[in-house]
Protein backbone atom coordinates (compact mmCIF):
# COMPACT_ATOMS: atom_id res chain seq x y z
CA UNK A 1 0.00 0.00 0.00
CA UNK A 2 1.32 3.44 -0.93
CA UNK A 3 1.93 5.67 2.07
CA UNK A 4 -0.20 8.78 1.78
CA UNK A 5 -0.92 12.04 3.57
CA UNK A 6 -3.83 14.41 3.01
CA UNK A 7 -3.21 18.01 4.04
CA UNK A 8 -6.50 19.76 4.77
CA UNK A 9 -5.38 23.38 4.88
CA UNK A 10 -2.32 23.45 2.63
CA UNK A 11 -1.63 27.15 2.94
CA UNK A 12 1.71 28.78 3.71
CA UNK A 13 3.09 27.69 7.05
CA UNK A 14 2.80 24.32 8.74
CA UNK A 15 0.51 22.80 6.09
CA UNK A 16 3.11 23.12 3.37
CA UNK A 17 5.94 22.24 5.72
CA UNK A 18 4.30 18.98 6.76
CA UNK A 19 3.64 18.16 3.10
CA UNK A 20 7.36 18.60 2.44
CA UNK A 21 8.32 16.47 5.46
CA UNK A 22 6.09 13.56 4.60
CA UNK A 23 6.82 13.83 0.90
CA UNK A 24 10.52 13.59 1.69
CA UNK A 25 9.78 10.37 3.58
CA UNK A 26 8.11 8.83 0.53
CA UNK A 27 4.47 9.65 1.18
CA UNK A 28 2.17 10.60 -1.66
CA UNK A 29 0.63 13.94 -0.71
CA UNK A 30 -2.84 15.30 -1.44
CA UNK A 31 -3.14 19.06 -1.00
CA UNK A 32 -6.55 20.50 -0.11
CA UNK A 33 -7.31 24.23 0.19
CA UNK A 34 -9.68 26.78 -1.31
CA UNK A 35 -7.67 28.07 -4.28
CA UNK A 36 -6.32 25.89 -7.06
CA UNK A 37 -3.49 28.11 -8.35
CA UNK A 38 -1.41 28.23 -5.13
CA UNK A 39 -1.92 24.49 -4.68
CA UNK A 40 -0.68 23.74 -8.17
CA UNK A 41 2.34 25.99 -7.70
CA UNK A 42 3.26 24.22 -4.49
CA UNK A 43 2.60 20.77 -5.98
CA UNK A 44 5.13 21.63 -8.68
CA UNK A 45 7.66 22.52 -5.97
CA UNK A 46 7.06 19.17 -4.27
CA UNK A 47 7.39 17.35 -7.59
CA UNK A 48 10.71 19.09 -8.23
CA UNK A 49 11.87 17.75 -4.87
CA UNK A 50 10.93 14.22 -5.92
CA UNK A 51 7.59 13.94 -4.13
CA UNK A 52 4.28 12.86 -5.61
CA UNK A 53 1.67 15.54 -5.01
CA UNK A 54 -1.98 15.85 -6.00
CA UNK A 55 -4.25 18.90 -5.88
CA UNK A 56 -7.90 18.97 -4.83
CA UNK A 57 -9.33 22.46 -4.31
CA UNK A 58 -12.21 22.55 -1.84
CA UNK A 59 -13.95 24.87 0.57
CA UNK A 60 -14.06 22.74 3.71
CA UNK A 61 -16.69 24.98 5.28
CA UNK A 62 -19.12 23.49 2.74
CA UNK A 63 -19.32 20.31 4.75
CA UNK A 64 -21.92 18.61 2.54
CA UNK A 65 -19.22 18.36 -0.15
CA UNK A 66 -16.81 16.36 2.02
CA UNK A 67 -18.08 12.89 1.02
CA UNK A 68 -17.45 13.76 -2.64
CA UNK A 69 -14.05 15.19 -1.70
CA UNK A 70 -13.22 11.94 0.14
CA UNK A 71 -14.18 9.97 -2.96
CA UNK A 72 -11.78 12.11 -4.99
CA UNK A 73 -9.00 11.51 -2.47
CA UNK A 74 -9.54 7.75 -2.56
CA UNK A 75 -9.40 7.82 -6.36
CA UNK A 76 -5.92 9.33 -6.10
CA UNK A 77 -4.29 7.56 -3.15
CA UNK A 78 -6.83 5.20 -1.59
CA UNK A 79 -7.70 5.68 2.06
CA UNK A 80 -4.89 7.87 3.45
CA UNK A 81 -2.63 6.67 6.21
CA UNK A 82 -2.23 10.17 7.65
CA UNK A 83 -4.70 13.05 7.82
CA UNK A 84 -3.50 16.54 8.75
CA UNK A 85 -6.34 18.97 9.47
CA UNK A 86 -5.57 22.62 10.09
CA UNK A 87 -7.43 25.01 7.79
CA UNK A 88 -7.96 28.53 9.05
CA UNK A 89 -10.91 30.83 8.36
CA UNK A 90 -10.47 33.57 5.80
CA UNK A 91 -11.11 35.98 8.69
CA UNK A 92 -10.26 34.41 12.09
CA UNK A 93 -11.25 37.72 13.70
CA UNK A 94 -10.45 37.08 17.34
CA UNK A 95 -13.11 38.67 19.53
CA UNK A 96 -13.24 39.98 23.08
CA UNK A 97 -15.23 37.65 25.30
CA UNK A 98 -17.54 40.51 26.32
CA UNK A 99 -18.49 40.95 22.65
CA UNK A 100 -18.67 37.33 21.50
CA UNK A 101 -22.01 36.31 20.00
CA UNK A 102 -23.54 33.00 19.11
CA UNK A 103 -23.83 34.22 15.53
CA UNK A 104 -20.05 34.64 15.30
CA UNK A 105 -19.46 31.12 16.61
CA UNK A 106 -21.93 29.71 14.10
CA UNK A 107 -20.04 31.44 11.27
CA UNK A 108 -16.83 29.64 12.24
CA UNK A 109 -18.29 26.29 13.26
CA UNK A 110 -18.50 24.53 9.87
CA UNK A 111 -14.76 24.82 9.15
CA UNK A 112 -13.55 24.33 12.71
CA UNK A 113 -15.82 21.57 14.00
CA UNK A 114 -18.26 20.20 11.43
CA UNK A 115 -15.65 19.55 8.74
CA UNK A 116 -13.13 17.75 10.93
CA UNK A 117 -15.92 15.50 12.22
CA UNK A 118 -16.86 14.68 8.63
CA UNK A 119 -13.24 14.07 7.62
CA UNK A 120 -12.63 11.73 10.55
CA UNK A 121 -15.83 9.82 9.83
CA UNK A 122 -14.67 9.33 6.23
CA UNK A 123 -11.14 8.11 6.90
CA UNK A 124 -10.96 6.72 10.44
CA UNK A 125 -12.79 3.44 9.67
CA UNK A 126 -10.11 2.33 7.19
CA UNK A 127 -7.36 3.24 9.67
CA UNK A 128 -9.04 1.12 12.33
CA UNK A 129 -9.43 -1.77 9.90
CA UNK A 130 -5.73 -1.61 9.02
CA UNK A 131 -4.74 -1.13 12.66
CA UNK A 132 -2.61 1.92 11.85
CA UNK A 133 -2.93 5.56 10.92
CA UNK A 134 -2.62 9.07 12.24
CA UNK A 135 -4.79 12.17 12.58
CA UNK A 136 -2.74 15.29 13.18
CA UNK A 137 -3.63 18.94 13.79
CA UNK A 138 -1.78 22.19 14.38
CA UNK A 139 -3.80 25.04 15.82
CA UNK A 140 -3.49 28.13 17.97
CA UNK A 141 -2.44 27.79 21.60
CA UNK A 142 -5.45 29.86 22.67
CA UNK A 143 -7.34 26.55 22.45
CA UNK A 144 -5.36 25.43 25.51
CA UNK A 145 -5.45 28.59 27.60
CA UNK A 146 -8.03 31.32 27.18
CA UNK A 147 -6.70 34.85 26.85
CA UNK A 148 -8.33 38.25 26.84
CA UNK A 149 -9.60 39.42 23.45
CA UNK A 150 -8.94 36.00 21.87
CA UNK A 151 -12.32 34.26 21.80
CA UNK A 152 -14.31 33.29 18.74
CA UNK A 153 -12.21 30.93 16.63
CA UNK A 154 -10.17 29.97 19.71
CA UNK A 155 -13.37 29.01 21.53
CA UNK A 156 -14.21 26.49 18.82
CA UNK A 157 -10.61 25.27 18.65
CA UNK A 158 -10.96 24.43 22.34
CA UNK A 159 -14.01 22.32 21.47
CA UNK A 160 -12.07 20.70 18.63
CA UNK A 161 -9.30 19.92 21.10
CA UNK A 162 -11.75 18.26 23.50
CA UNK A 163 -13.11 16.09 20.68
CA UNK A 164 -9.63 15.03 19.58
CA UNK A 165 -8.57 14.26 23.14
CA UNK A 166 -11.54 11.91 23.50
CA UNK A 167 -10.87 10.39 20.07
CA UNK A 168 -7.22 9.79 20.98
CA UNK A 169 -8.23 7.93 24.11
CA UNK A 170 -10.67 5.74 22.18
CA UNK A 171 -8.45 4.69 19.28
CA UNK A 172 -4.93 4.61 20.73
CA UNK A 173 -5.06 0.87 21.44
CA UNK A 174 -6.36 0.22 17.92
CA UNK A 175 -3.25 1.52 16.20
CA UNK A 176 -4.38 5.05 15.36
CA UNK A 177 -2.44 8.02 16.73
CA UNK A 178 -4.17 11.37 17.26
CA UNK A 179 -1.69 14.20 17.80
CA UNK A 180 -2.26 17.90 18.43
CA UNK A 181 0.30 20.69 18.16
CA UNK A 182 -0.76 23.96 19.81
CA UNK A 183 1.20 26.96 18.57
CA UNK A 184 1.56 30.18 20.54
CA UNK A 185 3.98 31.78 18.10
CA UNK A 186 3.93 33.62 14.80
CA UNK A 187 4.92 31.24 12.03
CA UNK A 188 7.58 32.65 9.75
CA UNK A 189 6.78 33.00 6.07
CA UNK A 190 3.05 33.45 6.63
CA UNK A 191 0.93 36.56 5.95
CA UNK A 192 0.41 37.02 9.70
CA UNK A 193 4.15 37.07 10.32
CA UNK A 194 4.65 39.57 7.49
CA UNK A 195 1.91 41.79 8.93
CA UNK A 196 3.30 41.56 12.45
CA UNK A 197 6.82 42.52 11.43
CA UNK A 198 5.55 45.34 9.23
CA UNK A 199 3.55 46.73 12.14
CA UNK A 200 6.74 47.78 13.92
CA UNK A 201 5.98 45.80 17.07
CA UNK A 202 9.01 44.32 18.82
CA UNK A 203 9.66 40.86 17.40
CA UNK A 204 10.75 39.57 20.80
CA UNK A 205 7.28 40.30 22.19
CA UNK A 206 5.76 37.48 20.14
CA UNK A 207 8.12 34.57 19.50
CA UNK A 208 8.63 33.26 16.00
CA UNK A 209 8.58 29.61 14.91
CA UNK A 210 9.94 28.04 11.74
CA UNK A 211 7.21 25.96 10.04
CA UNK A 212 9.76 23.28 9.13
CA UNK A 213 10.58 22.87 12.83
CA UNK A 214 6.89 22.59 13.69
CA UNK A 215 6.36 19.98 10.97
CA UNK A 216 9.29 18.02 12.35
CA UNK A 217 7.65 18.03 15.78
CA UNK A 218 4.49 16.56 14.29
CA UNK A 219 6.52 13.97 12.38
CA UNK A 220 8.29 12.93 15.57
CA UNK A 221 5.04 12.81 17.55
CA UNK A 222 3.62 10.50 14.90
CA UNK A 223 6.72 8.32 14.74
CA UNK A 224 7.01 8.01 18.54
CA UNK A 225 3.22 7.98 19.08
CA UNK A 226 3.74 10.52 21.86
CA UNK A 227 3.05 13.01 23.20
CA UNK A 228 -0.55 13.32 22.11
CA UNK A 229 -0.39 17.07 22.67
CA UNK A 230 2.46 19.54 22.50
CA UNK A 231 2.45 23.25 23.27
CA UNK A 232 4.93 25.57 21.52
CA UNK A 233 6.41 27.45 23.27
CA UNK A 234 5.92 25.33 26.36
CA UNK A 235 5.39 28.38 28.62
CA UNK A 236 2.76 30.05 26.40
């Protein structure tokens, strides 16, 4: 069976870095994100590095389309051995807790909760049948520790974290690893990092992280099957 990874959220940052890391290790890679052109450009980069990469544009917030997307993935690589899920909303728009509304949470819920549930339901059964597989995520550290003016998306990431913690406990003894990386740093090479540095704020005030280093952490977590959660930096 060909080793394969599906990257749900293959934008600049950890998504592309993890595609590189697994591609380097011989995994076929399927790249999923909203826009086709950036995916095709990055797939060409992976191909130049000797990796096999496929492109499937999709808006994961349209959760009713996920079964068809899963069918397309299986047509390319079969049931994947590794799923990486970390798309971000077009407008994360962190909100002060005193201003958070149910309407705002409902706007963000399809991408942050509904879609990952649908993705897991599509691909977990085959992992359990094989007795091996991995579901990996990389999200903001605000899911771990609430902070002022950082509710909204972070609130739903905390719910996603709870779901994945429970899933990890249920499937660990069946060969499936569920690993979560929580990042409290600006990831270099991303639009957010560019904006932060252009703002003139002191770079030391918000630590930076290299996406390749973060991808390596996820690779090691998967290989070692521990820890199930990792916070970067550890004192965030």
